[in-house]
């Protein structure tokens, strides 16, 4: 092969078209595929009137899509399928009450936080009043949930009881198969509103931890992650994030709580 031929090969390599990444593909399709869950109200649930997905996470996903200039297509996932669906590229983005943790950051890339969750427990009224009383308890939590790690960290002597869904966890509690159900304080209060009036359950003020929720994209999709983060910062700056919070957690909501956080450029790296 002559020098001129080698030079042409080298130049051709330098100027070959760049591989399209996730953000390019989303914009070309005009649609972003978002994985959500529907058993963690008010983050994600099926609206009984419209039979469509609804909730805090769904509102945020729609805002991100709007900022990207594309439509949104929702895929309902089970909790333990959130990361696999992303890694297998069945979805482009997961917005599903996903706790931002170093263990997860090894598998996917996590966005800035858009909610601060305080895991607590639901139990029979008066049964528990302090953390030490839970040390020997049987605590229900859905499979695939990071709550299992929270229980292990906060209550090493407790016995986790794994259920398929959040609803099943409450059913197990009512049947006496566990002593308490762990979950986000907001999600637990929301679930209690759907229980019979004589259920006798409460959410005592016993914080197990404090965790930030983030969105997730496929590993190394840097441009898509940057675009998602930019959308989150815009939501905060424009006041949209506050309005979405008020809609689902404000005084008129089923599970009112204070917004004691802001969206900012925080990150969690893999350990």
Protein backbone atom coordinates (compact mmCIF):
# COMPACT_ATOMS: atom_id res chain seq x y z
CA UNK A 1 0.00 0.00 0.00
CA UNK A 2 1.41 3.39 -1.03
CA UNK A 3 1.94 6.36 1.28
CA UNK A 4 -0.88 8.24 -0.48
CA UNK A 5 -3.28 5.36 0.10
CA UNK A 6 -2.32 5.20 3.79
CA UNK A 7 -2.86 8.94 4.10
CA UNK A 8 -6.32 8.67 2.56
CA UNK A 9 -7.25 5.83 4.95
CA UNK A 10 -6.07 7.89 7.93
CA UNK A 11 -7.91 10.99 6.81
CA UNK A 12 -11.03 8.94 6.10
CA UNK A 13 -10.89 7.56 9.63
CA UNK A 14 -10.52 11.03 11.10
CA UNK A 15 -13.54 12.35 9.26
CA UNK A 16 -15.84 9.34 9.44
CA UNK A 17 -19.33 10.16 10.76
CA UNK A 18 -19.65 10.06 14.55
CA UNK A 19 -21.80 7.33 16.02
CA UNK A 20 -25.26 8.56 16.96
CA UNK A 21 -25.82 8.44 20.72
CA UNK A 22 -29.01 8.08 22.75
CA UNK A 23 -29.96 11.74 22.58
CA UNK A 24 -29.59 11.79 18.78
CA UNK A 25 -31.74 8.68 18.46
CA UNK A 26 -34.44 10.12 20.73
CA UNK A 27 -34.60 13.35 18.73
CA UNK A 28 -34.61 11.46 15.43
CA UNK A 29 -37.51 9.31 16.65
CA UNK A 30 -39.28 12.33 18.14
CA UNK A 31 -40.02 10.30 21.24
CA UNK A 32 -38.40 9.36 24.56
CA UNK A 33 -39.28 6.01 26.13
CA UNK A 34 -39.67 6.41 29.87
CA UNK A 35 -39.90 3.57 32.39
CA UNK A 36 -42.22 4.25 35.33
CA UNK A 37 -43.86 2.31 38.17
CA UNK A 38 -47.52 2.47 39.12
CA UNK A 39 -47.55 1.04 42.65
CA UNK A 40 -45.87 3.95 44.48
CA UNK A 41 -48.48 6.69 44.69
CA UNK A 42 -48.19 9.64 44.56
CA UNK A 43 -44.99 9.12 42.52
CA UNK A 44 -46.59 6.77 40.02
CA UNK A 45 -50.05 5.22 39.80
CA UNK A 46 -52.94 4.55 37.43
CA UNK A 47 -55.50 7.35 37.47
CA UNK A 48 -58.84 5.64 38.19
CA UNK A 49 -60.72 8.10 35.98
CA UNK A 50 -58.53 8.10 32.88
CA UNK A 51 -56.81 4.72 33.37
CA UNK A 52 -53.56 6.46 32.38
CA UNK A 53 -50.30 6.70 34.31
CA UNK A 54 -50.19 9.70 36.64
CA UNK A 55 -48.15 11.09 39.51
CA UNK A 56 -45.18 13.21 40.48
CA UNK A 57 -42.73 11.11 38.44
CA UNK A 58 -45.01 11.19 35.40
CA UNK A 59 -45.25 14.99 35.55
CA UNK A 60 -41.46 15.28 35.71
CA UNK A 61 -41.00 12.86 32.82
CA UNK A 62 -43.40 14.93 30.70
CA UNK A 63 -41.47 18.09 31.55
CA UNK A 64 -38.14 16.49 30.55
CA UNK A 65 -39.66 15.37 27.23
CA UNK A 66 -40.99 18.88 26.65
CA UNK A 67 -37.55 20.35 27.26
CA UNK A 68 -36.05 17.87 24.78
CA UNK A 69 -38.70 18.79 22.23
CA UNK A 70 -40.08 15.25 21.90
CA UNK A 71 -43.13 13.19 22.83
CA UNK A 72 -43.07 10.77 25.76
CA UNK A 73 -43.99 7.07 25.65
CA UNK A 74 -44.42 5.42 29.05
CA UNK A 75 -43.54 1.82 29.84
CA UNK A 76 -44.84 0.46 33.16
CA UNK A 77 -42.16 -1.53 34.99
CA UNK A 78 -41.96 -3.63 38.11
CA UNK A 79 -39.56 -2.27 40.71
CA UNK A 80 -37.01 -5.01 40.17
CA UNK A 81 -37.10 -4.39 36.40
CA UNK A 82 -36.20 -0.69 36.53
CA UNK A 83 -32.45 -1.07 36.00
CA UNK A 84 -32.63 -4.15 33.72
CA UNK A 85 -35.07 -2.34 31.39
CA UNK A 86 -32.61 0.53 31.11
CA UNK A 87 -29.51 -1.63 30.66
CA UNK A 88 -31.28 -3.70 27.99
CA UNK A 89 -32.31 -0.43 26.27
CA UNK A 90 -36.02 -1.18 26.44
CA UNK A 91 -36.38 2.37 27.76
CA UNK A 92 -34.27 5.52 27.43
CA UNK A 93 -34.96 6.99 30.85
CA UNK A 94 -36.25 5.68 34.17
CA UNK A 95 -38.31 8.02 36.36
CA UNK A 96 -39.61 5.66 39.02
CA UNK A 97 -38.97 6.72 42.62
CA UNK A 98 -35.38 5.51 42.20
CA UNK A 99 -33.14 6.12 45.21
CA UNK A 100 -29.80 7.60 44.18
CA UNK A 101 -27.10 5.33 45.60
CA UNK A 102 -23.46 4.48 44.77
CA UNK A 103 -24.41 0.83 44.18
CA UNK A 104 -26.81 1.83 41.42
CA UNK A 105 -24.38 4.35 39.95
CA UNK A 106 -22.15 1.39 39.06
CA UNK A 107 -24.82 0.10 36.67
CA UNK A 108 -26.49 3.24 35.30
CA UNK A 109 -25.92 7.00 35.31
CA UNK A 110 -28.02 8.96 37.78
CA UNK A 111 -29.39 12.47 37.32
CA UNK A 112 -29.52 15.31 39.81
CA UNK A 113 -32.00 14.64 42.59
CA UNK A 114 -35.57 15.82 42.13
CA UNK A 115 -37.05 14.66 45.45
CA UNK A 116 -35.84 13.93 48.98
CA UNK A 117 -37.48 10.85 50.47
CA UNK A 118 -37.67 10.02 54.17
CA UNK A 119 -38.27 6.27 54.56
CA UNK A 120 -40.52 5.42 57.51
CA UNK A 121 -42.83 2.55 58.45
CA UNK A 122 -46.56 1.96 58.59
CA UNK A 123 -47.84 -0.21 61.42
CA UNK A 124 -50.76 -0.72 63.79
CA UNK A 125 -51.42 2.49 65.72
CA UNK A 126 -49.44 2.64 68.96
CA UNK A 127 -47.33 -0.42 68.14
CA UNK A 128 -44.05 1.46 67.61
CA UNK A 129 -42.90 4.84 68.93
CA UNK A 130 -39.11 4.69 68.56
CA UNK A 131 -36.50 3.10 66.33
CA UNK A 132 -35.20 0.64 68.93
CA UNK A 133 -38.60 -1.09 69.06
CA UNK A 134 -38.21 -2.05 65.41
CA UNK A 135 -34.92 -3.89 65.84
CA UNK A 136 -36.58 -7.31 66.20
CA UNK A 137 -39.54 -6.58 63.94
CA UNK A 138 -40.57 -8.27 60.69
CA UNK A 139 -40.67 -5.49 58.10
CA UNK A 140 -42.32 -5.83 54.70
CA UNK A 141 -40.81 -4.18 51.62
CA UNK A 142 -41.33 -4.75 47.86
CA UNK A 143 -38.74 -6.78 45.97
CA UNK A 144 -36.29 -4.77 43.88
CA UNK A 145 -36.65 -1.87 46.28
CA UNK A 146 -33.71 -0.09 47.85
CA UNK A 147 -35.79 -0.11 51.04
CA UNK A 148 -34.32 -3.54 51.75
CA UNK A 149 -30.88 -1.90 52.05
CA UNK A 150 -32.36 0.87 54.20
CA UNK A 151 -33.82 -1.72 56.58
CA UNK A 152 -30.51 -3.57 56.77
CA UNK A 153 -28.63 -0.34 57.44
CA UNK A 154 -31.00 1.17 60.01
CA UNK A 155 -32.32 -2.05 61.60
CA UNK A 156 -29.68 -4.80 61.30
CA UNK A 157 -31.57 -7.13 63.66
CA UNK A 158 -34.91 -6.77 61.89
CA UNK A 159 -36.23 -9.43 59.51
CA UNK A 160 -37.09 -8.20 55.99
CA UNK A 161 -40.23 -9.77 54.49
CA UNK A 162 -40.18 -9.39 50.71
CA UNK A 163 -43.43 -8.81 48.82
CA UNK A 164 -44.10 -8.50 45.10
CA UNK A 165 -45.70 -5.05 45.33
CA UNK A 166 -46.39 -2.25 47.78
CA UNK A 167 -50.08 -3.24 47.90
CA UNK A 168 -49.13 -6.82 48.76
CA UNK A 169 -46.86 -5.53 51.53
CA UNK A 170 -49.86 -3.84 53.16
CA UNK A 171 -51.95 -6.98 52.68
CA UNK A 172 -49.24 -8.96 54.47
CA UNK A 173 -49.26 -6.42 57.30
CA UNK A 174 -53.04 -6.70 57.71
CA UNK A 175 -52.79 -10.51 57.74
CA UNK A 176 -50.09 -10.40 60.42
CA UNK A 177 -47.35 -11.77 58.18
CA UNK A 178 -45.17 -8.79 59.11
CA UNK A 179 -45.13 -6.12 61.82
CA UNK A 180 -44.61 -3.05 59.65
CA UNK A 181 -44.26 -1.89 56.04
CA UNK A 182 -41.28 0.26 55.04
CA UNK A 183 -41.59 2.97 52.43
CA UNK A 184 -41.33 6.62 51.58
CA UNK A 185 -43.31 8.58 54.18
CA UNK A 186 -45.32 10.21 51.39
CA UNK A 187 -46.11 6.89 49.69
CA UNK A 188 -47.08 5.26 52.99
CA UNK A 189 -49.47 8.08 53.91
CA UNK A 190 -50.96 7.97 50.43
CA UNK A 191 -51.55 4.22 50.77
CA UNK A 192 -53.19 4.66 54.17
CA UNK A 193 -55.74 6.99 52.59
CA UNK A 194 -56.80 4.08 50.39
CA UNK A 195 -57.14 1.64 53.29
CA UNK A 196 -60.43 0.95 55.09
CA UNK A 197 -61.23 3.52 57.79
CA UNK A 198 -61.01 0.81 60.47
CA UNK A 199 -57.57 -0.50 59.38
CA UNK A 200 -56.02 0.97 62.52
CA UNK A 201 -52.75 1.80 60.75
CA UNK A 202 -50.51 4.83 61.19
CA UNK A 203 -47.16 6.19 60.04
CA UNK A 204 -45.29 6.98 63.26
CA UNK A 205 -42.63 9.67 63.19
CA UNK A 206 -39.69 7.26 63.08
CA UNK A 207 -37.35 8.19 60.19
CA UNK A 208 -35.26 5.25 59.02
CA UNK A 209 -33.05 7.36 56.77
CA UNK A 210 -33.04 10.20 54.23
CA UNK A 211 -32.60 9.40 50.56
CA UNK A 212 -32.58 11.40 47.32
CA UNK A 213 -34.52 10.26 44.27
CA UNK A 214 -33.00 10.58 40.81
CA UNK A 215 -33.75 9.68 37.23
CA UNK A 216 -31.49 7.21 35.44
CA UNK A 217 -30.11 6.77 31.94
CA UNK A 218 -28.02 4.08 30.29
CA UNK A 219 -24.37 4.08 31.35
CA UNK A 220 -22.17 6.59 29.49
CA UNK A 221 -25.04 8.41 27.76
CA UNK A 222 -23.40 11.69 28.76
CA UNK A 223 -25.29 14.03 26.42
CA UNK A 224 -28.66 12.58 27.38
CA UNK A 225 -27.78 12.82 31.08
CA UNK A 226 -26.68 16.44 30.61
CA UNK A 227 -29.97 17.23 28.85
CA UNK A 228 -32.00 15.60 31.63
CA UNK A 229 -30.03 17.50 34.29
CA UNK A 230 -30.53 20.77 32.40
CA UNK A 231 -34.28 20.10 32.33
CA UNK A 232 -34.32 19.47 36.09
CA UNK A 233 -32.47 22.72 36.81
CA UNK A 234 -34.89 24.56 34.50
CA UNK A 235 -37.84 23.05 36.37
CA UNK A 236 -36.48 24.48 39.61
CA UNK A 237 -35.55 27.85 38.13
CA UNK A 238 -38.92 28.36 36.43
CA UNK A 239 -40.95 27.34 39.48
CA UNK A 240 -42.39 24.34 37.63
CA UNK A 241 -40.78 21.92 40.12
CA UNK A 242 -42.51 23.66 43.03
CA UNK A 243 -45.88 23.56 41.26
CA UNK A 244 -45.50 19.83 40.55
CA UNK A 245 -44.60 19.24 44.19
CA UNK A 246 -47.60 21.24 45.40
CA UNK A 247 -49.88 19.27 43.10
CA UNK A 248 -48.90 15.94 44.63
CA UNK A 249 -47.65 16.84 48.12
CA UNK A 250 -49.22 20.23 48.88
CA UNK A 251 -51.91 21.10 51.44
CA UNK A 252 -54.72 19.94 49.17
CA UNK A 253 -53.08 16.60 48.36
CA UNK A 254 -53.80 13.20 49.91
CA UNK A 255 -50.39 13.10 51.62
CA UNK A 256 -49.34 16.72 52.35
CA UNK A 257 -45.76 17.49 53.37
CA UNK A 258 -43.29 20.36 53.32
CA UNK A 259 -40.83 20.81 50.46
CA UNK A 260 -37.57 21.00 52.39
CA UNK A 261 -35.27 20.67 49.38
CA UNK A 262 -34.31 22.30 46.09
CA UNK A 263 -33.07 20.77 42.84
CA UNK A 264 -29.40 21.57 42.33
CA UNK A 265 -26.31 20.06 40.72
CA UNK A 266 -25.73 17.20 43.15
CA UNK A 267 -24.16 13.93 42.06
CA UNK A 268 -23.63 10.43 43.44
CA UNK A 269 -20.69 8.47 42.09
CA UNK A 270 -20.10 4.73 42.05
CA UNK A 271 -17.93 3.49 44.89
